[in-house]
Protein backbone atom coordinates (compact mmCIF):
# COMPACT_ATOMS: atom_id res chain seq x y z
CA UNK A 1 102.26 160.66 -74.00
CA UNK A 2 103.20 160.52 -77.08
CA UNK A 3 105.23 158.11 -78.07
CA UNK A 4 108.69 157.32 -79.27
CA UNK A 5 109.77 158.31 -83.37
CA UNK A 6 110.66 154.76 -84.26
CA UNK A 7 114.30 154.11 -85.35
CA UNK A 8 115.41 155.53 -89.15
CA UNK A 9 114.89 152.18 -92.09
CA UNK A 10 118.39 150.68 -92.15
CA UNK A 11 119.13 148.90 -95.66
CA UNK A 12 122.15 146.64 -95.24
CA UNK A 13 124.56 147.11 -98.42
CA UNK A 14 124.01 143.71 -99.50
CA UNK A 15 120.23 144.84 -100.42
CA UNK A 16 121.64 147.59 -102.73
CA UNK A 17 123.89 145.21 -103.99
CA UNK A 18 121.01 143.28 -105.19
CA UNK A 19 118.03 145.09 -105.59
CA UNK A 20 119.64 148.15 -108.04
CA UNK A 21 120.11 145.34 -110.66
CA UNK A 22 117.00 144.39 -110.01
CA UNK A 23 115.09 147.63 -110.56
CA UNK A 24 117.43 147.37 -113.39
CA UNK A 25 115.93 144.35 -115.04
CA UNK A 26 112.27 145.70 -113.85
CA UNK A 27 112.68 149.03 -115.90
CA UNK A 28 114.51 147.04 -119.08
CA UNK A 29 112.30 144.39 -118.89
CA UNK A 30 108.72 147.59 -119.42
CA UNK A 31 110.87 149.19 -122.15
CA UNK A 32 111.42 146.42 -124.22
CA UNK A 33 108.05 145.40 -123.22
CA UNK A 34 107.36 149.10 -124.19
CA UNK A 35 109.05 148.83 -128.32
CA UNK A 36 110.24 146.48 -130.91
CA UNK A 37 114.43 146.92 -131.02
CA UNK A 38 114.41 143.51 -132.90
CA UNK A 39 116.89 145.49 -135.66
CA UNK A 40 119.05 146.82 -132.86
CA UNK A 41 119.49 142.92 -132.33
CA UNK A 42 117.59 140.08 -132.66
CA UNK A 43 117.18 138.77 -129.58
CA UNK A 44 115.19 141.74 -128.40
CA UNK A 45 112.44 141.72 -130.78
CA UNK A 46 111.48 137.75 -128.54
CA UNK A 47 108.57 138.95 -125.62
CA UNK A 48 110.30 136.38 -124.13
CA UNK A 49 112.89 138.23 -123.20
CA UNK A 50 110.94 141.07 -121.77
CA UNK A 51 109.28 138.36 -119.85
CA UNK A 52 112.21 137.06 -118.40
CA UNK A 53 113.98 139.83 -117.88
CA UNK A 54 110.37 140.95 -115.33
CA UNK A 55 110.52 137.19 -113.67
CA UNK A 56 114.58 137.80 -113.18
CA UNK A 57 113.86 141.49 -111.92
CA UNK A 58 111.04 140.51 -109.39
CA UNK A 59 113.26 137.32 -108.48
CA UNK A 60 116.66 140.12 -107.29
CA UNK A 61 113.30 142.79 -106.09
CA UNK A 62 112.36 139.85 -103.33
CA UNK A 63 116.02 138.84 -102.50
CA UNK A 64 116.65 142.28 -101.39
CA UNK A 65 114.30 141.76 -99.52
CA UNK A 66 115.88 139.76 -96.95
CA UNK A 67 118.53 141.61 -95.46
CA UNK A 68 115.78 144.08 -95.67
CA UNK A 69 113.86 142.15 -93.30
CA UNK A 70 116.41 140.79 -91.16
CA UNK A 71 118.37 143.90 -90.29
CA UNK A 72 115.02 144.92 -89.50
CA UNK A 73 114.32 141.96 -86.74
CA UNK A 74 117.69 142.21 -85.71
CA UNK A 75 117.63 146.19 -84.55
CA UNK A 76 113.81 144.55 -82.82
CA UNK A 77 115.95 142.36 -80.93
CA UNK A 78 118.34 144.86 -79.53
CA UNK A 79 117.88 145.99 -75.70
CA UNK A 80 116.76 150.13 -75.83
């Protein structure tokens, strides 16, 4: 007997609102690690700037996972 297909992953709006800036911070942090942007602005030439963006990206993406997990738990508790 075939198993029913799992329900489609529903990503809440809050996860998008927190996750997309996290992805933007991640991309900016990687770009700052790869190049020297001190000519653009003195703060962009510091290695700690890239590290701060990468840590912020991790925090934002981790925070975006909570609404997704809560939505999955709520879907699992809903009667079929």
